[in-house]
Each structure stands twice: as structure tokens, then as C-alpha cells.
């Protein structure tokens, strides 16, 4: 195998690996862009200019995707972790307290994620869970909250947003402590 062919194999292999790992971190998108640029260079050097052109276009697309992800993640990581206790009226605060107990008593399993927790619920009043999530988000708008209904019939709450938010949640909700 000559040096040019080896360069092409390595470029395309790194491109495939980076593409597979893109959801893990935004830097894999940038690595994918770099591997696309290397693959484009290989295509032009090998005389396969259509391949080179396509890979050059993919380089531009990947850089654009990487840039689009950076501001959103930076915004989320710099948002202050501060609850607004005045966001709810007294009646809403009472309702929130009832719903919070209901949700926490319904947690059957807790899974750690890099930026928060996944909570599997054993009871099925999703309307009350959604109501709690809505009130929680009004008090604590820095939280990312998602309700997922899985094909196996389980209901999950994803709660978190960053490593610092996860630390806050561990202190705030004793149910998350391991």
C-alpha cells in the first residue's frame, strides 16, 4: 500500500469514527470536518476529483454544523443556576409541593448522565408529571426537562443541563443521591 492510499484509508476511517461519535461532543463534528478536508485532499491527489469535490462540500457542511452547535452550548453553560421563588403564586407553590412529592415518590430508577439524571417513573399520571415539569421550569428556567414515553411502556424524565446543574440537583433532590 503506497503512502497516498494509506492517507486515504486513514482519512476516511477517522471521518467514519468522528461521524459515529458526533452526538457525544461537539468536537467530534469538528474532527469530522477535518477528516472530510483530508479526504477531499486525498480525492484531488488521487485524481478522483468528483470525490474530492463532494468531500470538500461535506467539510463546509460540517464546519457550519459545528458553528451552529457552539453558541447554543455556550449559552446553556453560562446561564445562571438560580431559582426564582417569586415565579409562582402561593397557590401554585402549594400545588408544586404536592406534585413534587408525587413525582419523587414515583421514581423507580435513577440513571446518571453526564449533565443530569434520567428518572424512570412507576405511576402513570403523566398529566401531573407534565404539570410539575411546567411549574419546575418556571421556577428554575436553567433546567432542561424532558418527558419520554418509551416503547416498553415506561415513562422517563430527563432533568439536567450541565455538570454544575447536576451538582445543584444532587443537593436539591435527595432522591438523586447515590
C-alpha atoms as a PDB file:
ATOM      1  CA  UNK A   1       0.000   0.000   0.000  1.00  0.00           C
ATOM      2  CA  UNK A   2       1.516   3.315  -1.015  1.00  0.00           C
ATOM      3  CA  UNK A   3       1.527   6.424   1.185  1.00  0.00           C
ATOM      4  CA  UNK A   4      -1.327   8.126  -0.708  1.00  0.00           C
ATOM      5  CA  UNK A   5      -3.626   5.103  -0.323  1.00  0.00           C
ATOM      6  CA  UNK A   6      -2.770   4.841   3.384  1.00  0.00           C
ATOM      7  CA  UNK A   7      -3.554   8.564   3.780  1.00  0.00           C
ATOM      8  CA  UNK A   8      -6.943   7.988   2.119  1.00  0.00           C
ATOM      9  CA  UNK A   9      -7.765   4.979   4.293  1.00  0.00           C
ATOM     10  CA  UNK A  10      -6.868   6.844   7.488  1.00  0.00           C
ATOM     11  CA  UNK A  11      -8.803   9.964   6.409  1.00  0.00           C
ATOM     12  CA  UNK A  12     -11.994   8.047   5.607  1.00  0.00           C
ATOM     13  CA  UNK A  13     -11.658   5.899   8.765  1.00  0.00           C
ATOM     14  CA  UNK A  14     -11.329   8.969  11.009  1.00  0.00           C
ATOM     15  CA  UNK A  15     -14.271  10.541   9.184  1.00  0.00           C
ATOM     16  CA  UNK A  16     -16.442   7.473   9.884  1.00  0.00           C
ATOM     17  CA  UNK A  17     -15.398   7.305  13.540  1.00  0.00           C
ATOM     18  CA  UNK A  18     -15.990  11.023  14.115  1.00  0.00           C
ATOM     19  CA  UNK A  19     -19.398  10.814  12.444  1.00  0.00           C
ATOM     20  CA  UNK A  20     -20.377   7.926  14.723  1.00  0.00           C
ATOM     21  CA  UNK A  21     -19.358   9.919  17.820  1.00  0.00           C
ATOM     22  CA  UNK A  22     -20.873  13.314  16.893  1.00  0.00           C
ATOM     23  CA  UNK A  23     -23.675  13.093  19.454  1.00  0.00           C
ATOM     24  CA  UNK A  24     -21.178  12.736  22.315  1.00  0.00           C
ATOM     25  CA  UNK A  25     -19.469  16.101  21.934  1.00  0.00           C
ATOM     26  CA  UNK A  26     -19.408  18.997  19.510  1.00  0.00           C
ATOM     27  CA  UNK A  27     -15.667  18.479  18.971  1.00  0.00           C
ATOM     28  CA  UNK A  28     -16.394  15.279  17.056  1.00  0.00           C
ATOM     29  CA  UNK A  29     -18.224  17.425  14.493  1.00  0.00           C
ATOM     30  CA  UNK A  30     -15.063  19.489  14.079  1.00  0.00           C
ATOM     31  CA  UNK A  31     -12.977  16.304  13.823  1.00  0.00           C
ATOM     32  CA  UNK A  32     -15.406  15.078  11.164  1.00  0.00           C
ATOM     33  CA  UNK A  33     -14.875  18.329   9.239  1.00  0.00           C
ATOM     34  CA  UNK A  34     -11.113  17.913   9.418  1.00  0.00           C
ATOM     35  CA  UNK A  35     -11.343  14.309   8.245  1.00  0.00           C
ATOM     36  CA  UNK A  36     -13.597  15.421   5.366  1.00  0.00           C
ATOM     37  CA  UNK A  37     -10.981  18.006   4.369  1.00  0.00           C
ATOM     38  CA  UNK A  38      -8.270  15.337   4.461  1.00  0.00           C
ATOM     39  CA  UNK A  39     -10.482  13.024   2.377  1.00  0.00           C
ATOM     40  CA  UNK A  40     -11.033  15.842  -0.124  1.00  0.00           C
ATOM     41  CA  UNK A  41      -7.270  16.331  -0.386  1.00  0.00           C
ATOM     42  CA  UNK A  42      -6.872  12.607  -0.936  1.00  0.00           C
ATOM     43  CA  UNK A  43      -9.505  12.661  -3.682  1.00  0.00           C
ATOM     44  CA  UNK A  44      -7.791  15.502  -5.534  1.00  0.00           C
ATOM     45  CA  UNK A  45      -4.323  13.969  -5.107  1.00  0.00           C
ATOM     46  CA  UNK A  46      -5.536  10.565  -6.306  1.00  0.00           C
ATOM     47  CA  UNK A  47      -7.134  12.106  -9.383  1.00  0.00           C
ATOM     48  CA  UNK A  48     -10.678  11.333  -8.221  1.00  0.00           C
ATOM     49  CA  UNK A  49     -11.826  14.955  -8.361  1.00  0.00           C
ATOM     50  CA  UNK A  50     -15.601  14.189  -8.017  1.00  0.00           C
ATOM     51  CA  UNK A  51     -14.817  12.509  -4.680  1.00  0.00           C
ATOM     52  CA  UNK A  52     -12.647  15.483  -3.711  1.00  0.00           C
ATOM     53  CA  UNK A  53     -15.418  17.956  -4.552  1.00  0.00           C
ATOM     54  CA  UNK A  54     -18.030  16.033  -2.547  1.00  0.00           C
ATOM     55  CA  UNK A  55     -15.726  15.779   0.468  1.00  0.00           C
ATOM     56  CA  UNK A  56     -14.898  19.492   0.225  1.00  0.00           C
ATOM     57  CA  UNK A  57     -18.633  20.258   0.332  1.00  0.00           C
ATOM     58  CA  UNK A  58     -19.026  17.950   3.360  1.00  0.00           C
ATOM     59  CA  UNK A  59     -16.195  19.856   5.040  1.00  0.00           C
ATOM     60  CA  UNK A  60     -18.143  23.100   4.688  1.00  0.00           C
ATOM     61  CA  UNK A  61     -21.379  21.498   5.892  1.00  0.00           C
ATOM     62  CA  UNK A  62     -19.649  20.021   8.957  1.00  0.00           C
ATOM     63  CA  UNK A  63     -17.997  23.324   9.877  1.00  0.00           C
ATOM     64  CA  UNK A  64     -21.362  25.046   9.612  1.00  0.00           C
ATOM     65  CA  UNK A  65     -22.955  22.389  11.863  1.00  0.00           C
ATOM     66  CA  UNK A  66     -20.127  22.766  14.392  1.00  0.00           C
ATOM     67  CA  UNK A  67     -20.526  26.549  14.475  1.00  0.00           C
ATOM     68  CA  UNK A  68     -24.289  26.220  14.955  1.00  0.00           C
ATOM     69  CA  UNK A  69     -23.776  23.981  17.982  1.00  0.00           C
ATOM     70  CA  UNK A  70     -21.196  26.164  19.761  1.00  0.00           C
ATOM     71  CA  UNK A  71     -23.359  29.206  20.672  1.00  0.00           C
ATOM     72  CA  UNK A  72     -26.217  27.061  21.972  1.00  0.00           C
ATOM     73  CA  UNK A  73     -23.943  25.045  24.263  1.00  0.00           C
ATOM     74  CA  UNK A  74     -22.046  28.123  25.467  1.00  0.00           C
ATOM     75  CA  UNK A  75     -25.345  29.863  26.256  1.00  0.00           C
ATOM     76  CA  UNK A  76     -26.558  26.879  28.241  1.00  0.00           C
ATOM     77  CA  UNK A  77     -23.325  26.585  30.194  1.00  0.00           C
ATOM     78  CA  UNK A  78     -23.251  30.287  31.153  1.00  0.00           C
ATOM     79  CA  UNK A  79     -26.893  30.581  32.201  1.00  0.00           C
ATOM     80  CA  UNK A  80     -27.012  31.289  35.962  1.00  0.00           C
ATOM     81  CA  UNK A  81     -28.195  28.498  38.225  1.00  0.00           C
ATOM     82  CA  UNK A  82     -30.715  30.450  40.238  1.00  0.00           C
ATOM     83  CA  UNK A  83     -34.304  29.612  41.073  1.00  0.00           C
ATOM     84  CA  UNK A  84     -36.886  32.394  41.033  1.00  0.00           C
ATOM     85  CA  UNK A  85     -39.021  31.729  44.084  1.00  0.00           C
ATOM     86  CA  UNK A  86     -41.388  34.548  43.089  1.00  0.00           C
ATOM     87  CA  UNK A  87     -42.277  32.892  39.767  1.00  0.00           C
ATOM     88  CA  UNK A  88     -45.174  31.004  41.380  1.00  0.00           C
ATOM     89  CA  UNK A  89     -48.115  32.329  43.348  1.00  0.00           C
ATOM     90  CA  UNK A  90     -48.796  30.886  46.808  1.00  0.00           C
ATOM     91  CA  UNK A  91     -51.435  28.545  45.385  1.00  0.00           C
ATOM     92  CA  UNK A  92     -49.085  27.446  42.604  1.00  0.00           C
ATOM     93  CA  UNK A  93     -46.303  26.880  45.159  1.00  0.00           C
ATOM     94  CA  UNK A  94     -48.629  24.634  47.205  1.00  0.00           C
ATOM     95  CA  UNK A  95     -49.586  22.716  44.051  1.00  0.00           C
ATOM     96  CA  UNK A  96     -45.891  22.438  43.125  1.00  0.00           C
ATOM     97  CA  UNK A  97     -45.064  20.949  46.545  1.00  0.00           C
ATOM     98  CA  UNK A  98     -47.796  18.316  46.158  1.00  0.00           C
ATOM     99  CA  UNK A  99     -46.692  17.459  42.624  1.00  0.00           C
ATOM    100  CA  UNK A 100     -43.028  17.315  43.580  1.00  0.00           C
ATOM    101  CA  UNK A 101     -43.773  14.754  46.305  1.00  0.00           C
ATOM    102  CA  UNK A 102     -45.930  12.806  43.824  1.00  0.00           C
ATOM    103  CA  UNK A 103     -43.174  12.727  41.214  1.00  0.00           C
ATOM    104  CA  UNK A 104     -40.360  11.867  43.638  1.00  0.00           C
ATOM    105  CA  UNK A 105     -42.420   9.083  45.242  1.00  0.00           C
ATOM    106  CA  UNK A 106     -42.978   7.688  41.755  1.00  0.00           C
ATOM    107  CA  UNK A 107     -39.284   7.439  40.877  1.00  0.00           C
ATOM    108  CA  UNK A 108     -38.474   3.775  40.405  1.00  0.00           C
ATOM    109  CA  UNK A 109     -34.986   4.091  38.944  1.00  0.00           C
ATOM    110  CA  UNK A 110     -32.387   6.861  38.657  1.00  0.00           C
ATOM    111  CA  UNK A 111     -29.704   6.847  35.976  1.00  0.00           C
ATOM    112  CA  UNK A 112     -26.793   9.259  35.942  1.00  0.00           C
ATOM    113  CA  UNK A 113     -25.950  11.117  32.760  1.00  0.00           C
ATOM    114  CA  UNK A 114     -23.047  13.459  32.136  1.00  0.00           C
ATOM    115  CA  UNK A 115     -25.266  16.513  32.635  1.00  0.00           C
ATOM    116  CA  UNK A 116     -28.102  15.304  34.849  1.00  0.00           C
ATOM    117  CA  UNK A 117     -30.347  12.360  35.560  1.00  0.00           C
ATOM    118  CA  UNK A 118     -32.918  10.116  33.942  1.00  0.00           C
ATOM    119  CA  UNK A 119     -35.780   9.164  36.233  1.00  0.00           C
ATOM    120  CA  UNK A 120     -37.980   6.146  35.460  1.00  0.00           C
ATOM    121  CA  UNK A 121     -41.449   6.565  36.901  1.00  0.00           C
ATOM    122  CA  UNK A 122     -43.679   3.733  38.062  1.00  0.00           C
ATOM    123  CA  UNK A 123     -47.020   5.525  38.151  1.00  0.00           C
ATOM    124  CA  UNK A 124     -48.856   6.731  35.137  1.00  0.00           C
ATOM    125  CA  UNK A 125     -50.378  10.160  35.774  1.00  0.00           C
ATOM    126  CA  UNK A 126     -48.445  11.877  33.047  1.00  0.00           C
ATOM    127  CA  UNK A 127     -50.645  14.966  33.220  1.00  0.00           C
ATOM    128  CA  UNK A 128     -49.479  15.593  36.796  1.00  0.00           C
ATOM    129  CA  UNK A 129     -45.863  14.880  35.866  1.00  0.00           C
ATOM    130  CA  UNK A 130     -46.126  17.377  32.999  1.00  0.00           C
ATOM    131  CA  UNK A 131     -47.758  19.922  35.316  1.00  0.00           C
ATOM    132  CA  UNK A 132     -44.878  19.533  37.810  1.00  0.00           C
ATOM    133  CA  UNK A 133     -42.351  19.934  34.991  1.00  0.00           C
ATOM    134  CA  UNK A 134     -44.052  23.122  33.856  1.00  0.00           C
ATOM    135  CA  UNK A 135     -44.040  24.624  37.354  1.00  0.00           C
ATOM    136  CA  UNK A 136     -40.458  23.467  37.967  1.00  0.00           C
ATOM    137  CA  UNK A 137     -39.279  25.117  34.779  1.00  0.00           C
ATOM    138  CA  UNK A 138     -40.981  28.404  35.687  1.00  0.00           C
ATOM    139  CA  UNK A 139     -39.058  28.475  38.985  1.00  0.00           C
ATOM    140  CA  UNK A 140     -35.823  27.134  37.535  1.00  0.00           C
ATOM    141  CA  UNK A 141     -35.613  28.109  33.849  1.00  0.00           C
ATOM    142  CA  UNK A 142     -31.982  26.931  33.631  1.00  0.00           C
ATOM    143  CA  UNK A 143     -33.168  23.309  33.847  1.00  0.00           C
ATOM    144  CA  UNK A 144     -33.593  21.126  30.814  1.00  0.00           C
ATOM    145  CA  UNK A 145     -36.623  18.900  31.398  1.00  0.00           C
ATOM    146  CA  UNK A 146     -37.934  16.258  29.022  1.00  0.00           C
ATOM    147  CA  UNK A 147     -40.602  13.603  29.378  1.00  0.00           C
ATOM    148  CA  UNK A 148     -40.049  10.475  27.317  1.00  0.00           C
ATOM    149  CA  UNK A 149     -42.546   7.674  26.813  1.00  0.00           C
ATOM    150  CA  UNK A 150     -40.659   4.559  25.725  1.00  0.00           C
ATOM    151  CA  UNK A 151     -41.894   1.705  23.570  1.00  0.00           C
ATOM    152  CA  UNK A 152     -41.675  -0.675  26.539  1.00  0.00           C
ATOM    153  CA  UNK A 153     -44.367   1.349  28.327  1.00  0.00           C
ATOM    154  CA  UNK A 154     -42.046   3.157  30.738  1.00  0.00           C
ATOM    155  CA  UNK A 155     -42.067   6.885  31.353  1.00  0.00           C
ATOM    156  CA  UNK A 156     -38.801   8.763  31.898  1.00  0.00           C
ATOM    157  CA  UNK A 157     -37.949  12.300  32.950  1.00  0.00           C
ATOM    158  CA  UNK A 158     -34.619  13.696  31.767  1.00  0.00           C
ATOM    159  CA  UNK A 159     -33.553  16.509  34.070  1.00  0.00           C
ATOM    160  CA  UNK A 160     -30.291  18.446  33.999  1.00  0.00           C
ATOM    161  CA  UNK A 161     -28.461  20.744  31.627  1.00  0.00           C
ATOM    162  CA  UNK A 162     -24.763  20.796  32.642  1.00  0.00           C
ATOM    163  CA  UNK A 163     -22.346  19.362  35.173  1.00  0.00           C
ATOM    164  CA  UNK A 164     -22.985  22.299  37.501  1.00  0.00           C
ATOM    165  CA  UNK A 165     -26.750  21.814  37.208  1.00  0.00           C
ATOM    166  CA  UNK A 166     -26.313  18.119  38.013  1.00  0.00           C
ATOM    167  CA  UNK A 167     -24.467  19.086  41.210  1.00  0.00           C
ATOM    168  CA  UNK A 168     -27.285  21.507  42.079  1.00  0.00           C
ATOM    169  CA  UNK A 169     -29.864  18.752  41.517  1.00  0.00           C
ATOM    170  CA  UNK A 170     -27.977  16.326  43.752  1.00  0.00           C
ATOM    171  CA  UNK A 171     -28.182  18.863  46.584  1.00  0.00           C
ATOM    172  CA  UNK A 172     -31.786  19.888  45.853  1.00  0.00           C
ATOM    173  CA  UNK A 173     -33.343  16.451  45.348  1.00  0.00           C
ATOM    174  CA  UNK A 174     -32.197  13.836  47.813  1.00  0.00           C
ATOM    175  CA  UNK A 175     -33.752  11.153  45.576  1.00  0.00           C
ATOM    176  CA  UNK A 176     -30.874  11.674  43.135  1.00  0.00           C
ATOM    177  CA  UNK A 177     -28.162  10.916  45.675  1.00  0.00           C
ATOM    178  CA  UNK A 178     -26.385   7.626  45.183  1.00  0.00           C
END
